[in-house]
Amino acid sequence: MYGYLMKLRAETLRDLGAALSPFNAFLFLQGLETLSLRMERHVSNALAVAAFLQAHDLASNVTYPGLPGSLYRPLVEKYLPRGAGAVFSFDCAGGRTGGQDLIRGVTLWSHLANVGDAKSLIIHPASTTHRQLSNDELRAAGVGPGTVRLSVGTESVEDLMWDLEQGFARVAATAGEKVATA
């Protein structure tokens, strides 16, 4: 029993620390005090990006619950009156290659797996976080070959949409190359 308690204590101290340092406490409080302002920006940016994607020819199945046509919109209105958050996914035309090309074509979005950052993040789950799954397992998990996950940050929404358009231009160019070589 003593060994187990020492292991718990050592791992807790190593992983969490005994207490926040004064500077880390200051940073934590600064973040907490500005959270409501940042979340307003995250939510408004996410809604604008989702609407942009919903209208885009190379995007489909936009899963943002804050969109007016979403099946989950009534739940958002009931439980999330200030907005549906900033993380959602969509399917990129071109399947796996299209999703990967979109990621390669953006520069402002960071290609990272985490979510909820102040900066905008983008990832193609089928080739990264879920790459070990078979096609059947991907489908069961709700991940298509062209599914792209976004975590929309606080940057200028016009810049975010412009950057996505650059990525879609790469998707269209690659699709055109495949048609020309076929």
N, C-alpha and C. Protein backbone atom coordinates (compact mmCIF):
# COMPACT_ATOMS: atom_id res chain seq x y z
N MET A 1 0.82 -1.20 0.00
CA MET A 1 0.00 0.00 0.00
C MET A 1 0.86 1.26 0.00
N TYR A 2 1.95 1.23 0.80
CA TYR A 2 2.82 2.40 0.89
C TYR A 2 3.43 2.73 -0.48
N GLY A 3 3.83 1.68 -1.21
CA GLY A 3 4.42 1.88 -2.53
C GLY A 3 3.43 2.53 -3.49
N TYR A 4 2.18 2.09 -3.44
CA TYR A 4 1.14 2.66 -4.30
C TYR A 4 0.91 4.13 -3.97
N LEU A 5 0.86 4.48 -2.68
CA LEU A 5 0.67 5.87 -2.28
C LEU A 5 1.84 6.74 -2.72
N MET A 6 3.06 6.22 -2.62
CA MET A 6 4.23 6.98 -3.06
C MET A 6 4.17 7.19 -4.58
N LYS A 7 3.73 6.17 -5.30
CA LYS A 7 3.60 6.30 -6.75
C LYS A 7 2.58 7.39 -7.09
N LEU A 8 1.42 7.36 -6.44
CA LEU A 8 0.41 8.39 -6.68
C LEU A 8 0.95 9.78 -6.37
N ARG A 9 1.63 9.90 -5.24
CA ARG A 9 2.16 11.20 -4.83
C ARG A 9 3.21 11.69 -5.83
N ALA A 10 4.13 10.81 -6.20
CA ALA A 10 5.19 11.20 -7.12
C ALA A 10 4.63 11.57 -8.49
N GLU A 11 3.68 10.79 -9.01
CA GLU A 11 3.12 11.10 -10.32
C GLU A 11 2.29 12.37 -10.28
N THR A 12 1.56 12.59 -9.21
CA THR A 12 0.76 13.81 -9.09
C THR A 12 1.66 15.03 -9.05
N LEU A 13 2.71 14.98 -8.26
CA LEU A 13 3.63 16.11 -8.20
C LEU A 13 4.31 16.33 -9.54
N ARG A 14 4.70 15.25 -10.19
CA ARG A 14 5.38 15.37 -11.48
C ARG A 14 4.44 15.93 -12.54
N ASP A 15 3.21 15.41 -12.59
CA ASP A 15 2.29 15.79 -13.65
C ASP A 15 1.55 17.10 -13.40
N LEU A 16 1.20 17.37 -12.16
CA LEU A 16 0.38 18.54 -11.87
C LEU A 16 1.11 19.62 -11.08
N GLY A 17 2.11 19.23 -10.33
CA GLY A 17 2.79 20.18 -9.46
C GLY A 17 2.01 20.34 -8.17
N ALA A 18 2.72 20.74 -7.14
CA ALA A 18 2.07 20.87 -5.83
C ALA A 18 1.16 22.10 -5.79
N ALA A 19 1.60 23.17 -6.43
CA ALA A 19 0.81 24.41 -6.47
C ALA A 19 1.31 25.24 -7.64
N LEU A 20 0.47 26.13 -8.10
CA LEU A 20 0.89 27.02 -9.18
C LEU A 20 1.94 28.00 -8.69
N SER A 21 2.90 28.27 -9.54
CA SER A 21 3.84 29.34 -9.21
C SER A 21 3.10 30.67 -9.31
N PRO A 22 3.60 31.71 -8.67
CA PRO A 22 2.90 33.00 -8.75
C PRO A 22 2.69 33.48 -10.19
N PHE A 23 3.69 33.33 -11.04
CA PHE A 23 3.54 33.77 -12.42
C PHE A 23 2.51 32.95 -13.17
N ASN A 24 2.52 31.63 -12.97
CA ASN A 24 1.52 30.79 -13.63
C ASN A 24 0.12 31.10 -13.12
N ALA A 25 -0.02 31.41 -11.84
CA ALA A 25 -1.32 31.82 -11.30
C ALA A 25 -1.78 33.12 -11.96
N PHE A 26 -0.86 34.06 -12.14
CA PHE A 26 -1.18 35.32 -12.81
C PHE A 26 -1.66 35.07 -14.24
N LEU A 27 -0.92 34.22 -14.98
CA LEU A 27 -1.32 33.93 -16.35
C LEU A 27 -2.68 33.24 -16.40
N PHE A 28 -2.92 32.32 -15.48
CA PHE A 28 -4.20 31.64 -15.42
C PHE A 28 -5.33 32.64 -15.19
N LEU A 29 -5.15 33.55 -14.26
CA LEU A 29 -6.19 34.55 -13.98
C LEU A 29 -6.39 35.49 -15.16
N GLN A 30 -5.31 35.87 -15.85
CA GLN A 30 -5.45 36.72 -17.03
C GLN A 30 -6.30 36.02 -18.08
N GLY A 31 -6.03 34.75 -18.29
CA GLY A 31 -6.80 33.98 -19.26
C GLY A 31 -8.25 33.85 -18.85
N LEU A 32 -8.49 33.62 -17.58
CA LEU A 32 -9.85 33.46 -17.08
C LEU A 32 -10.64 34.76 -17.21
N GLU A 33 -9.97 35.88 -16.96
CA GLU A 33 -10.65 37.18 -17.03
C GLU A 33 -11.03 37.57 -18.44
N THR A 34 -10.31 37.07 -19.44
CA THR A 34 -10.62 37.42 -20.83
C THR A 34 -11.35 36.31 -21.57
N LEU A 35 -11.69 35.23 -20.87
CA LEU A 35 -12.33 34.09 -21.52
C LEU A 35 -13.64 34.46 -22.21
N SER A 36 -14.47 35.24 -21.58
CA SER A 36 -15.77 35.56 -22.19
C SER A 36 -15.59 36.34 -23.49
N LEU A 37 -14.62 37.25 -23.52
CA LEU A 37 -14.37 38.01 -24.75
C LEU A 37 -13.83 37.11 -25.86
N ARG A 38 -12.92 36.22 -25.51
CA ARG A 38 -12.38 35.32 -26.51
C ARG A 38 -13.44 34.36 -27.03
N MET A 39 -14.30 33.88 -26.16
CA MET A 39 -15.34 32.94 -26.59
C MET A 39 -16.34 33.61 -27.53
N GLU A 40 -16.67 34.87 -27.27
CA GLU A 40 -17.54 35.59 -28.21
C GLU A 40 -16.94 35.58 -29.61
N ARG A 41 -15.64 35.84 -29.68
CA ARG A 41 -14.95 35.88 -30.98
C ARG A 41 -14.86 34.49 -31.60
N HIS A 42 -14.55 33.48 -30.79
CA HIS A 42 -14.51 32.11 -31.30
C HIS A 42 -15.84 31.73 -31.93
N VAL A 43 -16.92 31.98 -31.22
CA VAL A 43 -18.25 31.57 -31.68
C VAL A 43 -18.67 32.34 -32.93
N SER A 44 -18.45 33.65 -32.94
CA SER A 44 -18.85 34.41 -34.14
C SER A 44 -18.01 34.01 -35.35
N ASN A 45 -16.72 33.77 -35.14
CA ASN A 45 -15.87 33.32 -36.24
C ASN A 45 -16.29 31.94 -36.74
N ALA A 46 -16.58 31.04 -35.81
CA ALA A 46 -16.98 29.68 -36.20
C ALA A 46 -18.27 29.70 -37.01
N LEU A 47 -19.24 30.49 -36.60
CA LEU A 47 -20.50 30.57 -37.35
C LEU A 47 -20.25 31.10 -38.76
N ALA A 48 -19.41 32.12 -38.89
CA ALA A 48 -19.11 32.68 -40.21
C ALA A 48 -18.36 31.68 -41.08
N VAL A 49 -17.39 30.98 -40.52
CA VAL A 49 -16.63 29.98 -41.29
C VAL A 49 -17.54 28.83 -41.69
N ALA A 50 -18.41 28.39 -40.80
CA ALA A 50 -19.34 27.30 -41.11
C ALA A 50 -20.29 27.70 -42.24
N ALA A 51 -20.80 28.93 -42.19
CA ALA A 51 -21.69 29.41 -43.26
C ALA A 51 -20.93 29.49 -44.59
N PHE A 52 -19.69 29.95 -44.53
CA PHE A 52 -18.83 30.00 -45.73
C PHE A 52 -18.66 28.60 -46.32
N LEU A 53 -18.36 27.63 -45.46
CA LEU A 53 -18.14 26.26 -45.93
C LEU A 53 -19.43 25.64 -46.47
N GLN A 54 -20.54 25.93 -45.83
CA GLN A 54 -21.82 25.37 -46.27
C GLN A 54 -22.16 25.83 -47.69
N ALA A 55 -21.72 27.02 -48.04
CA ALA A 55 -22.00 27.56 -49.37
C ALA A 55 -20.91 27.21 -50.39
N HIS A 56 -19.83 26.58 -49.95
CA HIS A 56 -18.69 26.31 -50.85
C HIS A 56 -18.91 25.03 -51.64
N ASP A 57 -18.55 25.06 -52.92
CA ASP A 57 -18.74 23.90 -53.80
C ASP A 57 -17.87 22.71 -53.43
N LEU A 58 -16.73 22.93 -52.80
CA LEU A 58 -15.81 21.85 -52.48
C LEU A 58 -15.94 21.36 -51.04
N ALA A 59 -16.97 21.83 -50.33
CA ALA A 59 -17.22 21.39 -48.95
C ALA A 59 -18.64 20.86 -48.85
N SER A 60 -18.82 19.86 -48.01
CA SER A 60 -20.15 19.31 -47.77
C SER A 60 -20.23 18.82 -46.34
N ASN A 61 -21.44 18.47 -45.92
CA ASN A 61 -21.65 17.88 -44.60
C ASN A 61 -21.03 18.71 -43.47
N VAL A 62 -21.28 20.00 -43.48
CA VAL A 62 -20.76 20.88 -42.42
C VAL A 62 -21.56 20.58 -41.15
N THR A 63 -20.87 20.17 -40.09
CA THR A 63 -21.54 19.67 -38.89
C THR A 63 -21.63 20.70 -37.77
N TYR A 64 -21.58 21.97 -38.07
CA TYR A 64 -21.63 22.99 -37.02
C TYR A 64 -23.07 23.12 -36.50
N PRO A 65 -23.30 22.84 -35.22
CA PRO A 65 -24.67 22.85 -34.69
C PRO A 65 -25.28 24.25 -34.58
N GLY A 66 -24.49 25.29 -34.76
CA GLY A 66 -25.02 26.65 -34.71
C GLY A 66 -25.64 27.12 -36.00
N LEU A 67 -25.48 26.35 -37.08
CA LEU A 67 -26.10 26.74 -38.35
C LEU A 67 -27.61 26.61 -38.27
N PRO A 68 -28.34 27.51 -38.90
CA PRO A 68 -29.81 27.47 -38.81
C PRO A 68 -30.42 26.14 -39.23
N GLY A 69 -29.86 25.44 -40.21
CA GLY A 69 -30.43 24.19 -40.68
C GLY A 69 -29.98 22.95 -39.92
N SER A 70 -29.17 23.11 -38.91
CA SER A 70 -28.65 21.95 -38.18
C SER A 70 -29.75 21.27 -37.36
N LEU A 71 -29.69 19.94 -37.34
CA LEU A 71 -30.63 19.17 -36.51
C LEU A 71 -30.48 19.51 -35.03
N TYR A 72 -29.31 19.97 -34.65
CA TYR A 72 -29.02 20.25 -33.24
C TYR A 72 -29.26 21.70 -32.85
N ARG A 73 -29.74 22.50 -33.79
CA ARG A 73 -29.98 23.92 -33.51
C ARG A 73 -30.92 24.14 -32.32
N PRO A 74 -32.02 23.39 -32.17
CA PRO A 74 -32.88 23.59 -30.99
C PRO A 74 -32.14 23.32 -29.67
N LEU A 75 -31.25 22.35 -29.67
CA LEU A 75 -30.48 22.08 -28.45
C LEU A 75 -29.49 23.20 -28.17
N VAL A 76 -28.91 23.76 -29.22
CA VAL A 76 -28.00 24.90 -29.04
C VAL A 76 -28.76 26.07 -28.43
N GLU A 77 -29.94 26.33 -28.95
CA GLU A 77 -30.74 27.45 -28.42
C GLU A 77 -31.13 27.22 -26.97
N LYS A 78 -31.38 25.96 -26.60
CA LYS A 78 -31.79 25.64 -25.24
C LYS A 78 -30.62 25.66 -24.26
N TYR A 79 -29.51 25.01 -24.64
CA TYR A 79 -28.41 24.81 -23.69
C TYR A 79 -27.22 25.74 -23.89
N LEU A 80 -27.09 26.31 -25.06
CA LEU A 80 -25.92 27.13 -25.38
C LEU A 80 -26.37 28.48 -25.96
N PRO A 81 -27.03 29.30 -25.17
CA PRO A 81 -27.62 30.53 -25.72
C PRO A 81 -26.59 31.52 -26.27
N ARG A 82 -25.33 31.38 -25.91
CA ARG A 82 -24.31 32.30 -26.42
C ARG A 82 -23.56 31.74 -27.62
N GLY A 83 -23.95 30.57 -28.09
CA GLY A 83 -23.34 30.02 -29.28
C GLY A 83 -22.88 28.59 -29.11
N ALA A 84 -22.60 27.96 -30.24
CA ALA A 84 -22.33 26.52 -30.28
C ALA A 84 -20.85 26.16 -30.21
N GLY A 85 -20.02 27.05 -29.76
CA GLY A 85 -18.60 26.74 -29.66
C GLY A 85 -17.88 26.97 -30.98
N ALA A 86 -16.67 26.44 -31.08
CA ALA A 86 -15.84 26.75 -32.24
C ALA A 86 -15.19 25.53 -32.88
N VAL A 87 -15.63 24.33 -32.53
CA VAL A 87 -15.03 23.12 -33.09
C VAL A 87 -16.10 22.38 -33.90
N PHE A 88 -15.78 22.07 -35.14
CA PHE A 88 -16.72 21.33 -35.98
C PHE A 88 -15.95 20.70 -37.14
N SER A 89 -16.66 19.94 -37.95
CA SER A 89 -16.00 19.28 -39.08
C SER A 89 -16.83 19.46 -40.34
N PHE A 90 -16.22 19.12 -41.45
CA PHE A 90 -16.90 19.11 -42.74
C PHE A 90 -16.16 18.12 -43.63
N ASP A 91 -16.76 17.78 -44.74
CA ASP A 91 -16.14 16.87 -45.69
C ASP A 91 -15.62 17.67 -46.88
N CYS A 92 -14.37 17.46 -47.20
CA CYS A 92 -13.73 18.14 -48.32
C CYS A 92 -13.87 17.27 -49.57
N ALA A 93 -14.16 17.89 -50.70
CA ALA A 93 -14.23 17.16 -51.97
C ALA A 93 -12.87 16.53 -52.25
N GLY A 94 -12.91 15.41 -52.93
CA GLY A 94 -11.66 14.75 -53.29
C GLY A 94 -11.24 13.67 -52.32
N GLY A 95 -12.07 13.40 -51.30
CA GLY A 95 -11.76 12.33 -50.35
C GLY A 95 -10.48 12.56 -49.58
N ARG A 96 -9.74 11.49 -49.34
CA ARG A 96 -8.52 11.56 -48.54
C ARG A 96 -7.50 12.53 -49.16
N THR A 97 -7.32 12.44 -50.47
CA THR A 97 -6.37 13.34 -51.14
C THR A 97 -6.83 14.79 -51.03
N GLY A 98 -8.14 15.02 -51.21
CA GLY A 98 -8.66 16.37 -51.11
C GLY A 98 -8.46 16.96 -49.72
N GLY A 99 -8.73 16.17 -48.68
CA GLY A 99 -8.53 16.65 -47.32
C GLY A 99 -7.08 16.97 -47.03
N GLN A 100 -6.18 16.11 -47.51
CA GLN A 100 -4.75 16.36 -47.31
C GLN A 100 -4.28 17.58 -48.09
N ASP A 101 -4.80 17.74 -49.31
CA ASP A 101 -4.43 18.91 -50.11
C ASP A 101 -4.93 20.21 -49.48
N LEU A 102 -6.11 20.17 -48.90
CA LEU A 102 -6.63 21.36 -48.22
C LEU A 102 -5.68 21.75 -47.09
N ILE A 103 -5.24 20.79 -46.29
CA ILE A 103 -4.33 21.07 -45.19
C ILE A 103 -3.02 21.65 -45.72
N ARG A 104 -2.50 21.08 -46.81
CA ARG A 104 -1.25 21.57 -47.39
C ARG A 104 -1.40 22.96 -47.99
N GLY A 105 -2.62 23.33 -48.35
CA GLY A 105 -2.84 24.60 -49.03
C GLY A 105 -3.10 25.79 -48.13
N VAL A 106 -3.30 25.56 -46.84
CA VAL A 106 -3.54 26.68 -45.93
C VAL A 106 -2.25 27.07 -45.23
N THR A 107 -2.15 28.34 -44.87
CA THR A 107 -0.96 28.82 -44.16
C THR A 107 -1.29 29.45 -42.82
N LEU A 108 -2.46 30.04 -42.69
CA LEU A 108 -2.84 30.70 -41.43
C LEU A 108 -3.31 29.68 -40.40
N TRP A 109 -4.03 28.67 -40.84
CA TRP A 109 -4.51 27.62 -39.95
C TRP A 109 -3.32 26.74 -39.55
N SER A 110 -3.22 26.39 -38.27
CA SER A 110 -2.14 25.51 -37.80
C SER A 110 -2.60 24.06 -37.88
N HIS A 111 -1.73 23.20 -38.41
CA HIS A 111 -2.04 21.78 -38.56
C HIS A 111 -1.71 21.07 -37.25
N LEU A 112 -2.66 21.07 -36.32
CA LEU A 112 -2.47 20.49 -34.99
C LEU A 112 -3.71 19.70 -34.58
N ALA A 113 -3.52 18.73 -33.70
CA ALA A 113 -4.63 17.86 -33.29
C ALA A 113 -5.41 18.40 -32.10
N ASN A 114 -4.84 19.31 -31.33
CA ASN A 114 -5.56 19.80 -30.16
C ASN A 114 -6.67 20.77 -30.58
N VAL A 115 -7.55 21.11 -29.68
CA VAL A 115 -8.66 22.03 -29.97
C VAL A 115 -8.75 23.08 -28.87
N GLY A 116 -9.43 24.17 -29.16
CA GLY A 116 -9.70 25.18 -28.15
C GLY A 116 -8.60 26.20 -27.97
N ASP A 117 -7.68 26.32 -28.91
CA ASP A 117 -6.60 27.28 -28.82
C ASP A 117 -7.11 28.64 -29.29
N ALA A 118 -6.38 29.70 -28.98
CA ALA A 118 -6.73 31.03 -29.48
C ALA A 118 -6.49 31.12 -30.98
N LYS A 119 -5.54 30.32 -31.49
CA LYS A 119 -5.28 30.31 -32.93
C LYS A 119 -6.13 29.22 -33.58
N SER A 120 -6.36 29.38 -34.86
CA SER A 120 -7.19 28.42 -35.59
C SER A 120 -6.39 27.18 -35.94
N LEU A 121 -7.02 26.03 -35.75
CA LEU A 121 -6.37 24.73 -35.95
C LEU A 121 -7.16 23.92 -36.96
N ILE A 122 -6.47 23.11 -37.74
CA ILE A 122 -7.09 22.29 -38.76
C ILE A 122 -6.40 20.93 -38.78
N ILE A 123 -7.18 19.88 -39.01
CA ILE A 123 -6.58 18.54 -39.09
C ILE A 123 -7.44 17.65 -39.97
N HIS A 124 -6.79 16.70 -40.60
CA HIS A 124 -7.45 15.69 -41.43
C HIS A 124 -7.38 14.38 -40.66
N PRO A 125 -8.44 14.02 -39.92
CA PRO A 125 -8.37 12.85 -39.03
C PRO A 125 -8.02 11.53 -39.72
N ALA A 126 -8.50 11.30 -40.94
CA ALA A 126 -8.26 10.02 -41.60
C ALA A 126 -6.78 9.75 -41.84
N SER A 127 -5.97 10.80 -41.93
CA SER A 127 -4.54 10.59 -42.17
C SER A 127 -3.69 10.95 -40.96
N THR A 128 -4.32 11.32 -39.85
CA THR A 128 -3.54 11.68 -38.66
C THR A 128 -4.08 10.96 -37.43
N THR A 129 -5.00 11.58 -36.73
CA THR A 129 -5.47 11.05 -35.44
C THR A 129 -6.17 9.71 -35.54
N HIS A 130 -6.78 9.41 -36.69
CA HIS A 130 -7.52 8.16 -36.86
C HIS A 130 -6.89 7.25 -37.93
N ARG A 131 -5.65 7.48 -38.27
CA ARG A 131 -5.02 6.75 -39.38
C ARG A 131 -4.90 5.26 -39.16
N GLN A 132 -4.92 4.82 -37.91
CA GLN A 132 -4.77 3.39 -37.62
C GLN A 132 -6.07 2.62 -37.85
N LEU A 133 -7.19 3.31 -38.10
CA LEU A 133 -8.47 2.65 -38.28
C LEU A 133 -8.67 2.22 -39.73
N SER A 134 -9.39 1.13 -39.90
CA SER A 134 -9.76 0.69 -41.25
C SER A 134 -10.86 1.61 -41.78
N ASN A 135 -11.18 1.46 -43.06
CA ASN A 135 -12.24 2.28 -43.65
C ASN A 135 -13.59 2.05 -42.95
N ASP A 136 -13.87 0.79 -42.60
CA ASP A 136 -15.12 0.50 -41.88
C ASP A 136 -15.13 1.14 -40.51
N GLU A 137 -14.01 1.09 -39.82
CA GLU A 137 -13.92 1.70 -38.49
C GLU A 137 -14.02 3.22 -38.58
N LEU A 138 -13.44 3.81 -39.62
CA LEU A 138 -13.57 5.25 -39.82
C LEU A 138 -15.03 5.64 -40.01
N ARG A 139 -15.74 4.88 -40.86
CA ARG A 139 -17.16 5.17 -41.08
C ARG A 139 -17.95 5.05 -39.78
N ALA A 140 -17.65 4.01 -38.99
CA ALA A 140 -18.35 3.81 -37.71
C ALA A 140 -18.08 4.96 -36.75
N ALA A 141 -16.90 5.57 -36.86
CA ALA A 141 -16.54 6.70 -36.00
C ALA A 141 -17.06 8.02 -36.55
N GLY A 142 -17.70 7.99 -37.71
CA GLY A 142 -18.22 9.22 -38.31
C GLY A 142 -17.17 10.03 -39.04
N VAL A 143 -16.07 9.39 -39.40
CA VAL A 143 -14.99 10.09 -40.10
C VAL A 143 -14.94 9.57 -41.53
N GLY A 144 -15.17 10.46 -42.47
CA GLY A 144 -15.07 10.10 -43.88
C GLY A 144 -13.65 10.31 -44.37
N PRO A 145 -13.36 9.85 -45.58
CA PRO A 145 -12.00 10.01 -46.10
C PRO A 145 -11.60 11.48 -46.28
N GLY A 146 -12.58 12.35 -46.52
CA GLY A 146 -12.27 13.77 -46.71
C GLY A 146 -12.66 14.64 -45.53
N THR A 147 -12.99 14.03 -44.39
CA THR A 147 -13.40 14.82 -43.23
C THR A 147 -12.24 15.67 -42.72
N VAL A 148 -12.53 16.93 -42.46
CA VAL A 148 -11.56 17.88 -41.92
C VAL A 148 -12.16 18.47 -40.66
N ARG A 149 -11.38 18.52 -39.58
CA ARG A 149 -11.86 19.11 -38.32
C ARG A 149 -11.21 20.48 -38.14
N LEU A 150 -12.03 21.44 -37.75
CA LEU A 150 -11.56 22.79 -37.50
C LEU A 150 -11.78 23.17 -36.05
N SER A 151 -10.87 23.91 -35.49
CA SER A 151 -11.05 24.59 -34.22
C SER A 151 -10.79 26.06 -34.53
N VAL A 152 -11.86 26.83 -34.64
CA VAL A 152 -11.76 28.20 -35.14
C VAL A 152 -11.28 29.12 -34.03
N GLY A 153 -10.26 29.90 -34.35
CA GLY A 153 -9.63 30.79 -33.37
C GLY A 153 -10.17 32.20 -33.41
N THR A 154 -9.36 33.12 -32.90
CA THR A 154 -9.79 34.50 -32.73
C THR A 154 -9.22 35.45 -33.79
N GLU A 155 -8.59 34.90 -34.82
CA GLU A 155 -8.05 35.75 -35.87
C GLU A 155 -9.18 36.45 -36.63
N SER A 156 -8.82 37.28 -37.57
CA SER A 156 -9.80 37.92 -38.44
C SER A 156 -10.52 36.86 -39.25
N VAL A 157 -11.85 36.87 -39.22
CA VAL A 157 -12.62 35.85 -39.93
C VAL A 157 -12.43 35.96 -41.44
N GLU A 158 -12.21 37.16 -41.94
CA GLU A 158 -11.95 37.32 -43.37
C GLU A 158 -10.64 36.63 -43.75
N ASP A 159 -9.62 36.75 -42.89
CA ASP A 159 -8.35 36.08 -43.14
C ASP A 159 -8.51 34.56 -43.10
N LEU A 160 -9.29 34.07 -42.17
CA LEU A 160 -9.51 32.63 -42.06
C LEU A 160 -10.19 32.08 -43.31
N MET A 161 -11.21 32.76 -43.78
CA MET A 161 -11.92 32.30 -44.98
C MET A 161 -11.04 32.42 -46.22
N TRP A 162 -10.25 33.50 -46.30
CA TRP A 162 -9.33 33.66 -47.43
C TRP A 162 -8.35 32.49 -47.45
N ASP A 163 -7.83 32.12 -46.29
CA ASP A 163 -6.86 31.03 -46.22
C ASP A 163 -7.50 29.69 -46.60
N LEU A 164 -8.73 29.46 -46.16
CA LEU A 164 -9.42 28.23 -46.58
C LEU A 164 -9.61 28.22 -48.09
N GLU A 165 -9.90 29.36 -48.66
CA GLU A 165 -10.06 29.44 -50.11
C GLU A 165 -8.76 29.08 -50.82
N GLN A 166 -7.62 29.46 -50.25
CA GLN A 166 -6.32 29.07 -50.82
C GLN A 166 -6.17 27.55 -50.78
N GLY A 167 -6.59 26.95 -49.68
CA GLY A 167 -6.55 25.50 -49.58
C GLY A 167 -7.46 24.82 -50.59
N PHE A 168 -8.67 25.37 -50.76
CA PHE A 168 -9.60 24.80 -51.74
C PHE A 168 -9.08 24.97 -53.16
N ALA A 169 -8.33 26.04 -53.42
CA ALA A 169 -7.73 26.21 -54.74
C ALA A 169 -6.75 25.08 -55.03
N ARG A 170 -6.03 24.66 -54.01
CA ARG A 170 -5.11 23.52 -54.18
C ARG A 170 -5.89 22.23 -54.43
N VAL A 171 -7.00 22.06 -53.70
CA VAL A 171 -7.84 20.87 -53.90
C VAL A 171 -8.35 20.85 -55.34
N ALA A 172 -8.84 21.98 -55.83
CA ALA A 172 -9.37 22.05 -57.20
C ALA A 172 -8.27 21.80 -58.22
N ALA A 173 -7.08 22.34 -57.98
CA ALA A 173 -5.97 22.15 -58.92
C ALA A 173 -5.57 20.68 -58.97
N THR A 174 -5.50 20.02 -57.83
CA THR A 174 -5.14 18.60 -57.80
C THR A 174 -6.21 17.77 -58.48
N ALA A 175 -7.49 18.11 -58.25
CA ALA A 175 -8.57 17.36 -58.89
C ALA A 175 -8.51 17.56 -60.41
N GLY A 176 -8.16 18.77 -60.86
CA GLY A 176 -8.03 19.04 -62.29
C GLY A 176 -6.88 18.27 -62.90
N GLU A 177 -5.78 18.13 -62.15
CA GLU A 177 -4.63 17.37 -62.64
C GLU A 177 -5.02 15.90 -62.83
N LYS A 178 -5.79 15.35 -61.91
CA LYS A 178 -6.20 13.95 -61.99
C LYS A 178 -7.11 13.72 -63.20
N VAL A 179 -8.00 14.69 -63.46
CA VAL A 179 -8.90 14.56 -64.61
C VAL A 179 -8.11 14.64 -65.90
N ALA A 180 -7.12 15.54 -65.94
CA ALA A 180 -6.31 15.74 -67.15
C ALA A 180 -5.44 14.51 -67.44
N THR A 181 -4.97 13.82 -66.40
CA THR A 181 -4.10 12.66 -66.61
C THR A 181 -4.87 11.38 -66.82
N ALA A 182 -6.16 11.37 -66.55
CA ALA A 182 -6.96 10.13 -66.68
C ALA A 182 -7.26 9.79 -68.12
